[in-house]
PDB file of all heavy atoms in Angstrom:
ATOM      1  N   PHE A   1     142.749 126.912  41.515  1.00  0.00           N
ATOM      2  CA  PHE A   1     143.537 125.879  42.172  1.00  0.00           C
ATOM      3  C   PHE A   1     144.995 126.013  41.739  1.00  0.00           C
ATOM      4  O   PHE A   1     145.936 125.669  42.471  1.00  0.00           O
ATOM      5  CB  PHE A   1     143.054 124.431  41.753  1.00  0.00           C
ATOM      6  CG  PHE A   1     143.854 123.369  42.203  1.00  0.00           C
ATOM      7  CD1 PHE A   1     144.164 123.168  43.529  1.00  0.00           C
ATOM      8  CD2 PHE A   1     144.547 122.548  41.251  1.00  0.00           C
ATOM      9  CE1 PHE A   1     144.882 122.115  43.942  1.00  0.00           C
ATOM     10  CE2 PHE A   1     145.354 121.438  41.686  1.00  0.00           C
ATOM     11  CZ  PHE A   1     145.527 121.233  42.951  1.00  0.00           C
ATOM     12  N   ARG A   2     145.361 126.582  40.645  1.00  0.00           N
ATOM     13  CA  ARG A   2     146.770 126.739  40.114  1.00  0.00           C
ATOM     14  C   ARG A   2     147.438 127.797  41.150  1.00  0.00           C
ATOM     15  O   ARG A   2     148.725 127.796  41.222  1.00  0.00           O
ATOM     16  CB  ARG A   2     146.732 127.295  38.721  1.00  0.00           C
ATOM     17  CG  ARG A   2     146.164 126.334  37.758  1.00  0.00           C
ATOM     18  CD  ARG A   2     146.713 126.613  36.291  1.00  0.00           C
ATOM     19  NE  ARG A   2     146.100 127.947  35.839  1.00  0.00           N
ATOM     20  CZ  ARG A   2     144.997 127.951  35.164  1.00  0.00           C
ATOM     21  NH1 ARG A   2     144.298 126.889  34.891  1.00  0.00           N
ATOM     22  NH2 ARG A   2     144.543 129.070  34.785  1.00  0.00           N
ATOM     23  N   TYR A   3     146.671 128.543  41.908  1.00  0.00           N
ATOM     24  CA  TYR A   3     147.312 129.643  42.709  1.00  0.00           C
ATOM     25  C   TYR A   3     147.160 129.155  44.150  1.00  0.00           C
ATOM     26  O   TYR A   3     147.686 130.012  45.046  1.00  0.00           O
ATOM     27  CB  TYR A   3     146.572 130.926  42.502  1.00  0.00           C
ATOM     28  CG  TYR A   3     146.664 131.505  41.159  1.00  0.00           C
ATOM     29  CD1 TYR A   3     145.785 131.046  40.227  1.00  0.00           C
ATOM     30  CD2 TYR A   3     147.734 132.288  40.814  1.00  0.00           C
ATOM     31  CE1 TYR A   3     145.860 131.643  38.824  1.00  0.00           C
ATOM     32  CE2 TYR A   3     147.774 132.805  39.446  1.00  0.00           C
ATOM     33  CZ  TYR A   3     146.966 132.385  38.485  1.00  0.00           C
ATOM     34  OH  TYR A   3     147.037 132.896  37.255  1.00  0.00           O
ATOM     35  N   LEU A   4     146.544 128.112  44.554  1.00  0.00           N
ATOM     36  CA  LEU A   4     146.328 127.730  45.906  1.00  0.00           C
ATOM     37  C   LEU A   4     147.662 127.658  46.771  1.00  0.00           C
ATOM     38  O   LEU A   4     147.663 128.257  47.923  1.00  0.00           O
ATOM     39  CB  LEU A   4     145.633 126.399  45.883  1.00  0.00           C
ATOM     40  CG  LEU A   4     145.390 125.932  47.503  1.00  0.00           C
ATOM     41  CD1 LEU A   4     144.412 126.737  48.248  1.00  0.00           C
ATOM     42  CD2 LEU A   4     144.815 124.464  47.385  1.00  0.00           C
ATOM     43  N   GLU A   5     148.694 127.036  46.284  1.00  0.00           N
ATOM     44  CA  GLU A   5     149.906 126.863  47.072  1.00  0.00           C
ATOM     45  C   GLU A   5     150.530 128.254  47.383  1.00  0.00           C
ATOM     46  O   GLU A   5     150.916 128.541  48.534  1.00  0.00           O
ATOM     47  CB  GLU A   5     150.950 125.971  46.253  1.00  0.00           C
ATOM     48  CG  GLU A   5     150.594 124.505  46.324  1.00  0.00           C
ATOM     49  CD  GLU A   5     150.838 123.916  47.749  1.00  0.00           C
ATOM     50  OE1 GLU A   5     152.020 123.800  48.150  1.00  0.00           O
ATOM     51  OE2 GLU A   5     149.831 123.736  48.515  1.00  0.00           O
ATOM     52  N   GLY A   6     150.523 129.104  46.376  1.00  0.00           N
ATOM     53  CA  GLY A   6     150.940 130.522  46.578  1.00  0.00           C
ATOM     54  C   GLY A   6     150.164 131.320  47.657  1.00  0.00           C
ATOM     55  O   GLY A   6     150.636 132.003  48.504  1.00  0.00           O
ATOM     56  N   TRP A   7     148.861 131.165  47.514  1.00  0.00           N
ATOM     57  CA  TRP A   7     147.914 131.784  48.501  1.00  0.00           C
ATOM     58  C   TRP A   7     148.145 131.257  49.836  1.00  0.00           C
ATOM     59  O   TRP A   7     148.123 132.034  50.831  1.00  0.00           O
ATOM     60  CB  TRP A   7     146.488 131.618  48.107  1.00  0.00           C
ATOM     61  CG  TRP A   7     146.020 132.365  46.778  1.00  0.00           C
ATOM     62  CD1 TRP A   7     146.670 133.488  46.282  1.00  0.00           C
ATOM     63  CD2 TRP A   7     145.067 132.073  45.929  1.00  0.00           C
ATOM     64  NE1 TRP A   7     146.057 133.883  45.165  1.00  0.00           N
ATOM     65  CE2 TRP A   7     145.111 133.052  44.884  1.00  0.00           C
ATOM     66  CE3 TRP A   7     144.061 131.021  45.856  1.00  0.00           C
ATOM     67  CZ2 TRP A   7     144.139 133.046  43.892  1.00  0.00           C
ATOM     68  CZ3 TRP A   7     143.151 130.975  44.912  1.00  0.00           C
ATOM     69  CH2 TRP A   7     143.131 132.005  43.879  1.00  0.00           C
ATOM     70  N   ASN A   8     148.344 129.954  50.008  1.00  0.00           N
ATOM     71  CA  ASN A   8     148.495 129.343  51.409  1.00  0.00           C
ATOM     72  C   ASN A   8     149.827 129.856  51.970  1.00  0.00           C
ATOM     73  O   ASN A   8     149.890 130.146  53.157  1.00  0.00           O
ATOM     74  CB  ASN A   8     148.526 127.798  51.199  1.00  0.00           C
ATOM     75  CG  ASN A   8     147.131 127.221  51.169  1.00  0.00           C
ATOM     76  OD1 ASN A   8     146.196 127.930  51.513  1.00  0.00           O
ATOM     77  ND2 ASN A   8     147.079 125.911  50.854  1.00  0.00           N
ATOM     78  N   ARG A   9     150.928 129.992  51.129  1.00  0.00           N
ATOM     79  CA  ARG A   9     152.156 130.590  51.668  1.00  0.00           C
ATOM     80  C   ARG A   9     151.929 131.961  52.054  1.00  0.00           C
ATOM     81  O   ARG A   9     152.485 132.411  53.111  1.00  0.00           O
ATOM     82  CB  ARG A   9     153.163 130.434  50.560  1.00  0.00           C
ATOM     83  CG  ARG A   9     153.704 128.962  50.341  1.00  0.00           C
ATOM     84  CD  ARG A   9     154.866 129.022  49.479  1.00  0.00           C
ATOM     85  NE  ARG A   9     154.814 129.434  48.214  1.00  0.00           N
ATOM     86  CZ  ARG A   9     154.451 128.683  47.201  1.00  0.00           C
ATOM     87  NH1 ARG A   9     154.190 127.306  47.294  1.00  0.00           N
ATOM     88  NH2 ARG A   9     154.298 129.210  45.912  1.00  0.00           N
ATOM     89  N   ALA A  10     151.156 132.733  51.213  1.00  0.00           N
ATOM     90  CA  ALA A  10     150.888 134.112  51.608  1.00  0.00           C
ATOM     91  C   ALA A  10     150.074 134.288  52.923  1.00  0.00           C
ATOM     92  O   ALA A  10     150.455 135.083  53.814  1.00  0.00           O
ATOM     93  CB  ALA A  10     150.155 134.858  50.504  1.00  0.00           C
ATOM     94  N   ARG A  11     149.155 133.395  53.243  1.00  0.00           N
ATOM     95  CA  ARG A  11     148.524 133.294  54.502  1.00  0.00           C
ATOM     96  C   ARG A  11     149.545 132.987  55.628  1.00  0.00           C
ATOM     97  O   ARG A  11     149.327 133.616  56.674  1.00  0.00           O
ATOM     98  CB  ARG A  11     147.368 132.345  54.408  1.00  0.00           C
ATOM     99  CG  ARG A  11     146.088 132.568  53.543  1.00  0.00           C
ATOM    100  CD  ARG A  11     145.072 131.539  53.464  1.00  0.00           C
ATOM    101  NE  ARG A  11     144.032 131.790  52.613  1.00  0.00           N
ATOM    102  CZ  ARG A  11     142.946 132.347  53.069  1.00  0.00           C
ATOM    103  NH1 ARG A  11     142.828 132.640  54.293  1.00  0.00           N
ATOM    104  NH2 ARG A  11     141.938 132.694  52.364  1.00  0.00           N
ATOM    105  N   GLN A  12     150.292 132.032  55.390  1.00  0.00           N
ATOM    106  CA  GLN A  12     151.321 131.671  56.412  1.00  0.00           C
ATOM    107  C   GLN A  12     152.203 132.906  56.693  1.00  0.00           C
ATOM    108  O   GLN A  12     152.580 133.107  57.962  1.00  0.00           O
ATOM    109  CB  GLN A  12     152.045 130.492  56.077  1.00  0.00           C
ATOM    110  CG  GLN A  12     151.287 129.155  56.049  1.00  0.00           C
ATOM    111  CD  GLN A  12     151.777 127.932  55.260  1.00  0.00           C
ATOM    112  OE1 GLN A  12     152.772 128.247  54.420  1.00  0.00           O
ATOM    113  NE2 GLN A  12     151.344 126.846  55.474  1.00  0.00           N
ATOM    114  N   ALA A  13     152.564 133.608  55.744  1.00  0.00           N
ATOM    115  CA  ALA A  13     153.451 134.805  55.910  1.00  0.00           C
ATOM    116  C   ALA A  13     152.703 135.871  56.745  1.00  0.00           C
ATOM    117  O   ALA A  13     153.252 136.483  57.607  1.00  0.00           O
ATOM    118  CB  ALA A  13     153.888 135.308  54.536  1.00  0.00           C
ATOM    119  N   CYS A  14     151.462 136.025  56.345  1.00  0.00           N
ATOM    120  CA  CYS A  14     150.630 137.039  57.134  1.00  0.00           C
ATOM    121  C   CYS A  14     150.403 136.547  58.593  1.00  0.00           C
ATOM    122  O   CYS A  14     150.578 137.415  59.551  1.00  0.00           O
ATOM    123  CB  CYS A  14     149.212 137.116  56.473  1.00  0.00           C
ATOM    124  SG  CYS A  14     149.171 138.004  54.946  1.00  0.00           S
ATOM    125  N   ALA A  15     150.256 135.288  58.843  1.00  0.00           N
ATOM    126  CA  ALA A  15     150.199 134.805  60.189  1.00  0.00           C
ATOM    127  C   ALA A  15     151.474 134.969  60.977  1.00  0.00           C
ATOM    128  O   ALA A  15     151.460 135.565  62.036  1.00  0.00           O
ATOM    129  CB  ALA A  15     149.814 133.248  60.240  1.00  0.00           C
ATOM    130  N   ALA A  16     152.590 134.858  60.417  1.00  0.00           N
ATOM    131  CA  ALA A  16     153.931 135.012  60.951  1.00  0.00           C
ATOM    132  C   ALA A  16     154.169 136.498  61.249  1.00  0.00           C
ATOM    133  O   ALA A  16     154.690 136.807  62.420  1.00  0.00           O
ATOM    134  CB  ALA A  16     155.035 134.530  60.152  1.00  0.00           C
ATOM    135  N   ARG A  17     153.637 137.439  60.373  1.00  0.00           N
ATOM    136  CA  ARG A  17     153.721 138.813  60.626  1.00  0.00           C
ATOM    137  C   ARG A  17     152.873 139.232  61.756  1.00  0.00           C
ATOM    138  O   ARG A  17     153.253 140.098  62.711  1.00  0.00           O
ATOM    139  CB  ARG A  17     153.336 139.606  59.386  1.00  0.00           C
ATOM    140  CG  ARG A  17     153.748 141.005  59.461  1.00  0.00           C
ATOM    141  CD  ARG A  17     153.965 141.578  58.007  1.00  0.00           C
ATOM    142  NE  ARG A  17     152.737 141.386  57.195  1.00  0.00           N
ATOM    143  CZ  ARG A  17     152.795 141.061  55.934  1.00  0.00           C
ATOM    144  NH1 ARG A  17     153.928 140.792  55.378  1.00  0.00           N
ATOM    145  NH2 ARG A  17     151.661 140.881  55.199  1.00  0.00           N
ATOM    146  N   TYR A  18     151.691 138.758  61.816  1.00  0.00           N
ATOM    147  CA  TYR A  18     150.752 138.929  63.042  1.00  0.00           C
ATOM    148  C   TYR A  18     151.481 138.594  64.342  1.00  0.00           C
ATOM    149  O   TYR A  18     151.532 139.273  65.287  1.00  0.00           O
ATOM    150  CB  TYR A  18     149.463 138.157  63.001  1.00  0.00           C
ATOM    151  CG  TYR A  18     148.332 138.916  62.276  1.00  0.00           C
ATOM    152  CD1 TYR A  18     147.464 138.247  61.432  1.00  0.00           C
ATOM    153  CD2 TYR A  18     147.995 140.248  62.670  1.00  0.00           C
ATOM    154  CE1 TYR A  18     146.331 138.750  60.854  1.00  0.00           C
ATOM    155  CE2 TYR A  18     146.806 140.823  62.067  1.00  0.00           C
ATOM    156  CZ  TYR A  18     146.087 140.219  61.173  1.00  0.00           C
ATOM    157  OH  TYR A  18     145.047 140.778  60.716  1.00  0.00           O
ATOM    158  N   ASP A  19     151.993 137.328  64.285  1.00  0.00           N
ATOM    159  CA  ASP A  19     152.738 136.941  65.540  1.00  0.00           C
ATOM    160  C   ASP A  19     153.829 137.842  65.909  1.00  0.00           C
ATOM    161  O   ASP A  19     153.964 138.221  67.048  1.00  0.00           O
ATOM    162  CB  ASP A  19     153.421 135.599  65.229  1.00  0.00           C
ATOM    163  CG  ASP A  19     152.317 134.357  65.081  1.00  0.00           C
ATOM    164  OD1 ASP A  19     151.288 134.584  65.410  1.00  0.00           O
ATOM    165  OD2 ASP A  19     152.767 133.280  64.642  1.00  0.00           O
ATOM    166  N   ARG A  20     154.608 138.346  64.986  1.00  0.00           N
ATOM    167  CA  ARG A  20     155.609 139.189  65.288  1.00  0.00           C
ATOM    168  C   ARG A  20     155.236 140.588  65.903  1.00  0.00           C
ATOM    169  O   ARG A  20     155.669 141.033  66.852  1.00  0.00           O
ATOM    170  CB  ARG A  20     156.567 139.536  64.070  1.00  0.00           C
ATOM    171  CG  ARG A  20     157.611 140.465  64.217  1.00  0.00           C
ATOM    172  CD  ARG A  20     158.577 140.581  63.069  1.00  0.00           C
ATOM    173  NE  ARG A  20     157.944 140.818  61.765  1.00  0.00           N
ATOM    174  CZ  ARG A  20     157.559 141.965  61.340  1.00  0.00           C
ATOM    175  NH1 ARG A  20     157.774 143.013  62.051  1.00  0.00           N
ATOM    176  NH2 ARG A  20     156.948 142.155  60.187  1.00  0.00           N
ATOM    177  N   LEU A  21     154.251 141.163  65.182  1.00  0.00           N
ATOM    178  CA  LEU A  21     153.551 142.403  65.478  1.00  0.00           C
ATOM    179  C   LEU A  21     152.986 142.359  66.917  1.00  0.00           C
ATOM    180  O   LEU A  21     153.224 143.307  67.711  1.00  0.00           O
ATOM    181  CB  LEU A  21     152.619 142.900  64.548  1.00  0.00           C
ATOM    182  CG  LEU A  21     153.201 143.218  63.117  1.00  0.00           C
ATOM    183  CD1 LEU A  21     152.010 143.563  62.115  1.00  0.00           C
ATOM    184  CD2 LEU A  21     154.100 144.398  63.220  1.00  0.00           C
ATOM    185  N   PHE A  22     152.323 141.299  67.212  1.00  0.00           N
ATOM    186  CA  PHE A  22     151.648 141.121  68.545  1.00  0.00           C
ATOM    187  C   PHE A  22     152.866 141.053  69.743  1.00  0.00           C
ATOM    188  O   PHE A  22     152.688 141.592  70.764  1.00  0.00           O
ATOM    189  CB  PHE A  22     150.756 139.973  68.693  1.00  0.00           C
ATOM    190  CG  PHE A  22     149.404 140.234  68.145  1.00  0.00           C
ATOM    191  CD1 PHE A  22     148.853 139.520  67.062  1.00  0.00           C
ATOM    192  CD2 PHE A  22     148.581 141.244  68.679  1.00  0.00           C
ATOM    193  CE1 PHE A  22     147.660 139.904  66.524  1.00  0.00           C
ATOM    194  CE2 PHE A  22     147.289 141.567  68.368  1.00  0.00           C
ATOM    195  CZ  PHE A  22     146.802 140.844  67.167  1.00  0.00           C
ATOM    196  N   ALA A  23     153.901 140.308  69.332  1.00  0.00           N
ATOM    197  CA  ALA A  23     155.032 140.090  70.323  1.00  0.00           C
ATOM    198  C   ALA A  23     155.689 141.581  70.509  1.00  0.00           C
ATOM    199  O   ALA A  23     156.072 141.834  71.694  1.00  0.00           O
ATOM    200  CB  ALA A  23     156.059 139.146  69.730  1.00  0.00           C
ATOM    201  N   GLU A  24     155.870 142.309  69.462  1.00  0.00           N
ATOM    202  CA  GLU A  24     156.433 143.609  69.526  1.00  0.00           C
ATOM    203  C   GLU A  24     155.670 144.516  70.444  1.00  0.00           C
ATOM    204  O   GLU A  24     156.212 145.355  71.090  1.00  0.00           O
ATOM    205  CB  GLU A  24     156.676 144.208  68.234  1.00  0.00           C
ATOM    206  CG  GLU A  24     157.779 143.546  67.410  1.00  0.00           C
ATOM    207  CD  GLU A  24     157.937 144.069  65.899  1.00  0.00           C
ATOM    208  OE1 GLU A  24     157.010 144.891  65.601  1.00  0.00           O
ATOM    209  OE2 GLU A  24     158.748 143.617  65.241  1.00  0.00           O
ATOM    210  N   ALA A  25     154.311 144.287  70.360  1.00  0.00           N
ATOM    211  CA  ALA A  25     153.360 145.206  71.004  1.00  0.00           C
ATOM    212  C   ALA A  25     153.220 144.716  72.548  1.00  0.00           C
ATOM    213  O   ALA A  25     152.582 145.475  73.369  1.00  0.00           O
ATOM    214  CB  ALA A  25     151.977 145.204  70.399  1.00  0.00           C
ATOM    215  N   GLY A  26     153.888 143.663  72.909  1.00  0.00           N
ATOM    216  CA  GLY A  26     153.828 143.093  74.279  1.00  0.00           C
ATOM    217  C   GLY A  26     152.395 142.616  74.667  1.00  0.00           C
ATOM    218  O   GLY A  26     152.129 142.564  75.843  1.00  0.00           O
ATOM    219  N   LEU A  27     151.608 142.137  73.796  1.00  0.00           N
ATOM    220  CA  LEU A  27     150.241 141.771  74.013  1.00  0.00           C
ATOM    221  C   LEU A  27     150.123 140.256  74.354  1.00  0.00           C
ATOM    222  O   LEU A  27     149.102 139.803  74.884  1.00  0.00           O
ATOM    223  CB  LEU A  27     149.273 142.163  72.824  1.00  0.00           C
ATOM    224  CG  LEU A  27     149.057 143.594  72.681  1.00  0.00           C
ATOM    225  CD1 LEU A  27     148.356 143.782  71.315  1.00  0.00           C
ATOM    226  CD2 LEU A  27     148.390 144.187  73.783  1.00  0.00           C
ATOM    227  N   SER A  28     151.099 139.398  73.947  1.00  0.00           N
ATOM    228  CA  SER A  28     151.047 138.026  74.093  1.00  0.00           C
ATOM    229  C   SER A  28     152.408 137.445  74.319  1.00  0.00           C
ATOM    230  O   SER A  28     153.411 138.080  73.954  1.00  0.00           O
ATOM    231  CB  SER A  28     150.342 137.316  72.916  1.00  0.00           C
ATOM    232  OG  SER A  28     150.174 136.007  73.096  1.00  0.00           O
ATOM    233  N   VAL A  29     152.559 136.226  75.121  1.00  0.00           N
ATOM    234  CA  VAL A  29     153.655 135.614  75.326  1.00  0.00           C
ATOM    235  C   VAL A  29     153.476 134.178  74.902  1.00  0.00           C
ATOM    236  O   VAL A  29     152.456 133.712  74.976  1.00  0.00           O
ATOM    237  CB  VAL A  29     154.213 135.627  76.729  1.00  0.00           C
ATOM    238  CG1 VAL A  29     154.510 137.128  77.153  1.00  0.00           C
ATOM    239  CG2 VAL A  29     153.088 135.192  77.671  1.00  0.00           C
ATOM    240  N   PRO A  30     154.570 133.526  74.441  1.00  0.00           N
ATOM    241  CA  PRO A  30     154.492 132.154  73.962  1.00  0.00           C
ATOM    242  C   PRO A  30     154.149 131.163  75.207  1.00  0.00           C
ATOM    243  O   PRO A  30     154.370 131.469  76.321  1.00  0.00           O
ATOM    244  CB  PRO A  30     155.903 131.736  73.495  1.00  0.00           C
ATOM    245  CG  PRO A  30     156.529 133.091  73.249  1.00  0.00           C
ATOM    246  CD  PRO A  30     155.978 134.076  74.174  1.00  0.00           C
ATOM    247  N   GLY A  31     153.357 130.158  74.768  1.00  0.00           N
ATOM    248  CA  GLY A  31     152.988 129.161  75.791  1.00  0.00           C
ATOM    249  C   GLY A  31     151.688 129.324  76.509  1.00  0.00           C
ATOM    250  O   GLY A  31     151.227 128.495  77.310  1.00  0.00           O
ATOM    251  N   LYS A  32     151.179 130.556  76.416  1.00  0.00           N
ATOM    252  CA  LYS A  32     149.850 130.789  77.120  1.00  0.00           C
ATOM    253  C   LYS A  32     148.737 130.058  76.345  1.00  0.00           C
ATOM    254  O   LYS A  32     148.752 129.914  75.123  1.00  0.00           O
ATOM    255  CB  LYS A  32     149.507 132.243  77.262  1.00  0.00           C
ATOM    256  CG  LYS A  32     150.462 132.940  78.291  1.00  0.00           C
ATOM    257  CD  LYS A  32     149.933 134.398  78.474  1.00  0.00           C
ATOM    258  CE  LYS A  32     148.518 134.543  78.984  1.00  0.00           C
ATOM    259  NZ  LYS A  32     148.489 133.986  80.365  1.00  0.00           N
ATOM    260  N   VAL A  33     147.650 129.725  77.085  1.00  0.00           N
ATOM    261  CA  VAL A  33     146.508 128.922  76.567  1.00  0.00           C
ATOM    262  C   VAL A  33     145.308 129.852  76.577  1.00  0.00           C
ATOM    263  O   VAL A  33     144.449 130.073  75.725  1.00  0.00           O
ATOM    264  CB  VAL A  33     146.195 127.689  77.243  1.00  0.00           C
ATOM    265  CG1 VAL A  33     144.906 127.133  76.628  1.00  0.00           C
ATOM    266  CG2 VAL A  33     147.329 126.697  76.939  1.00  0.00           C
ATOM    267  N   TYR A  34     145.164 130.742  77.782  1.00  0.00           N
ATOM    268  CA  TYR A  34     143.999 131.534  78.018  1.00  0.00           C
ATOM    269  C   TYR A  34     144.549 133.041  78.245  1.00  0.00           C
ATOM    270  O   TYR A  34     145.522 133.156  78.798  1.00  0.00           O
ATOM    271  CB  TYR A  34     143.163 131.083  79.260  1.00  0.00           C
ATOM    272  CG  TYR A  34     142.908 129.660  79.207  1.00  0.00           C
ATOM    273  CD1 TYR A  34     143.334 128.740  80.095  1.00  0.00           C
ATOM    274  CD2 TYR A  34     141.922 129.140  78.283  1.00  0.00           C
ATOM    275  CE1 TYR A  34     142.992 127.401  80.131  1.00  0.00           C
ATOM    276  CE2 TYR A  34     141.604 127.904  78.244  1.00  0.00           C
ATOM    277  CZ  TYR A  34     142.153 126.935  79.136  1.00  0.00           C
ATOM    278  OH  TYR A  34     141.799 125.600  79.184  1.00  0.00           O
ATOM    279  N   PRO A  35     143.751 133.931  77.713  1.00  0.00           N
ATOM    280  CA  PRO A  35     144.092 135.314  77.831  1.00  0.00           C
ATOM    281  C   PRO A  35     143.769 135.829  79.295  1.00  0.00           C
ATOM    282  O   PRO A  35     143.013 135.200  80.047  1.00  0.00           O
ATOM    283  CB  PRO A  35     143.201 136.105  76.868  1.00  0.00           C
ATOM    284  CG  PRO A  35     141.985 135.214  76.793  1.00  0.00           C
ATOM    285  CD  PRO A  35     142.465 133.938  76.979  1.00  0.00           C
ATOM    286  N   ASP A  36     144.499 136.839  79.842  1.00  0.00           N
ATOM    287  CA  ASP A  36     144.262 137.524  81.121  1.00  0.00           C
ATOM    288  C   ASP A  36     144.620 139.033  80.929  1.00  0.00           C
ATOM    289  O   ASP A  36     144.930 139.436  79.886  1.00  0.00           O
ATOM    290  CB  ASP A  36     145.039 136.857  82.148  1.00  0.00           C
ATOM    291  CG  ASP A  36     146.446 136.730  81.924  1.00  0.00           C
ATOM    292  OD1 ASP A  36     147.035 137.743  81.324  1.00  0.00           O
ATOM    293  OD2 ASP A  36     147.057 135.797  82.288  1.00  0.00           O
ATOM    294  N   ARG A  37     144.396 139.739  81.996  1.00  0.00           N
ATOM    295  CA  ARG A  37     144.564 141.231  81.878  1.00  0.00           C
ATOM    296  C   ARG A  37     146.098 141.512  81.530  1.00  0.00           C
ATOM    297  O   ARG A  37     146.423 142.516  80.887  1.00  0.00           O
ATOM    298  CB  ARG A  37     144.206 141.809  83.191  1.00  0.00           C
ATOM    299  CG  ARG A  37     142.725 141.843  83.382  1.00  0.00           C
ATOM    300  CD  ARG A  37     142.369 142.794  84.627  1.00  0.00           C
ATOM    301  NE  ARG A  37     140.922 142.679  84.842  1.00  0.00           N
ATOM    302  CZ  ARG A  37     140.125 143.520  84.261  1.00  0.00           C
ATOM    303  NH1 ARG A  37     140.633 144.406  83.404  1.00  0.00           N
ATOM    304  NH2 ARG A  37     138.853 143.509  84.473  1.00  0.00           N
ATOM    305  N   GLN A  38     146.947 140.767  82.052  1.00  0.00           N
ATOM    306  CA  GLN A  38     148.400 141.083  81.876  1.00  0.00           C
ATOM    307  C   GLN A  38     148.853 140.668  80.353  1.00  0.00           C
ATOM    308  O   GLN A  38     149.647 141.436  79.702  1.00  0.00           O
ATOM    309  CB  GLN A  38     149.297 140.239  82.810  1.00  0.00           C
ATOM    310  CG  GLN A  38     150.820 140.622  82.625  1.00  0.00           C
ATOM    311  CD  GLN A  38     151.649 139.829  83.628  1.00  0.00           C
ATOM    312  OE1 GLN A  38     151.174 139.054  84.465  1.00  0.00           O
ATOM    313  NE2 GLN A  38     152.952 140.272  83.680  1.00  0.00           N
ATOM    314  N   HIS A  39     148.254 139.565  79.928  1.00  0.00           N
ATOM    315  CA  HIS A  39     148.618 139.151  78.495  1.00  0.00           C
ATOM    316  C   HIS A  39     147.257 138.866  77.831  1.00  0.00           C
ATOM    317  O   HIS A  39     146.845 137.748  77.885  1.00  0.00           O
ATOM    318  CB  HIS A  39     149.544 137.969  78.530  1.00  0.00           C
ATOM    319  CG  HIS A  39     150.844 138.137  79.202  1.00  0.00           C
ATOM    320  ND1 HIS A  39     151.076 137.669  80.556  1.00  0.00           N
ATOM    321  CD2 HIS A  39     151.864 138.797  78.857  1.00  0.00           C
ATOM    322  CE1 HIS A  39     152.224 137.963  80.839  1.00  0.00           C
ATOM    323  NE2 HIS A  39     152.822 138.703  79.935  1.00  0.00           N
ATOM    324  N   PRO A  40     146.596 139.960  77.354  1.00  0.00           N
ATOM    325  CA  PRO A  40     145.197 139.773  76.996  1.00  0.00           C
ATOM    326  C   PRO A  40     144.946 139.095  75.550  1.00  0.00           C
ATOM    327  O   PRO A  40     143.846 138.803  75.269  1.00  0.00           O
ATOM    328  CB  PRO A  40     144.791 141.220  76.721  1.00  0.00           C
ATOM    329  CG  PRO A  40     146.096 142.023  76.439  1.00  0.00           C
ATOM    330  CD  PRO A  40     147.175 141.297  77.237  1.00  0.00           C
ATOM    331  N   ILE A  41     146.028 138.748  74.851  1.00  0.00           N
ATOM    332  CA  ILE A  41     145.944 138.118  73.593  1.00  0.00           C
ATOM    333  C   ILE A  41     146.601 136.746  73.583  1.00  0.00           C
ATOM    334  O   ILE A  41     147.708 136.661  74.074  1.00  0.00           O
ATOM    335  CB  ILE A  41     146.420 138.971  72.407  1.00  0.00           C
ATOM    336  CG1 ILE A  41     145.702 140.232  72.295  1.00  0.00           C
ATOM    337  CG2 ILE A  41     146.433 138.095  71.085  1.00  0.00           C
ATOM    338  CD1 ILE A  41     144.188 140.023  71.848  1.00  0.00           C
ATOM    339  N   VAL A  42     145.943 135.638  73.164  1.00  0.00           N
ATOM    340  CA  VAL A  42     146.603 134.377  72.917  1.00  0.00           C
ATOM    341  C   VAL A  42     146.633 134.088  71.431  1.00  0.00           C
ATOM    342  O   VAL A  42     145.519 134.165  70.849  1.00  0.00           O
ATOM    343  CB  VAL A  42     145.844 133.192  73.610  1.00  0.00           C
ATOM    344  CG1 VAL A  42     146.462 131.935  73.271  1.00  0.00           C
ATOM    345  CG2 VAL A  42     146.060 133.469  75.211  1.00  0.00           C
ATOM    346  N   LEU A  43     147.732 133.934  70.807  1.00  0.00           N
ATOM    347  CA  LEU A  43     147.899 133.743  69.405  1.00  0.00           C
ATOM    348  C   LEU A  43     147.601 132.306  68.975  1.00  0.00           C
ATOM    349  O   LEU A  43     147.596 131.483  69.858  1.00  0.00           O
ATOM    350  CB  LEU A  43     149.239 134.084  68.980  1.00  0.00           C
ATOM    351  CG  LEU A  43     149.708 135.554  69.293  1.00  0.00           C
ATOM    352  CD1 LEU A  43     151.125 135.827  68.756  1.00  0.00           C
ATOM    353  CD2 LEU A  43     148.822 136.613  68.910  1.00  0.00           C
ATOM    354  N   PRO A  44     147.230 132.056  67.705  1.00  0.00           N
ATOM    355  CA  PRO A  44     147.076 130.800  67.265  1.00  0.00           C
ATOM    356  C   PRO A  44     148.212 129.807  67.504  1.00  0.00           C
ATOM    357  O   PRO A  44     149.341 130.257  67.353  1.00  0.00           O
ATOM    358  CB  PRO A  44     146.894 130.897  65.776  1.00  0.00           C
ATOM    359  CG  PRO A  44     146.319 132.365  65.606  1.00  0.00           C
ATOM    360  CD  PRO A  44     147.144 133.031  66.590  1.00  0.00           C
ATOM    361  N   GLN A  45     147.972 128.688  68.062  1.00  0.00           N
ATOM    362  CA  GLN A  45     149.039 127.744  68.358  1.00  0.00           C
ATOM    363  C   GLN A  45     149.161 126.623  67.330  1.00  0.00           C
ATOM    364  O   GLN A  45     148.262 126.140  66.886  1.00  0.00           O
ATOM    365  CB  GLN A  45     148.843 127.142  69.827  1.00  0.00           C
ATOM    366  CG  GLN A  45     148.822 128.131  70.835  1.00  0.00           C
ATOM    367  CD  GLN A  45     148.821 127.525  72.218  1.00  0.00           C
ATOM    368  OE1 GLN A  45     149.014 126.300  72.448  1.00  0.00           O
ATOM    369  NE2 GLN A  45     148.503 128.290  73.194  1.00  0.00           N
TER     370      GLN A  45
END
């Protein structure tokens, strides 16, 4: 428990990095709810 806050911040940093890497790869765009062929990934909202 003494490490929980740090671990949660690390998870949030990993999530932000996923978001950035997927955007750089052109796989997802903001605001989408469902995937399709053009934008096959929808990131956590």
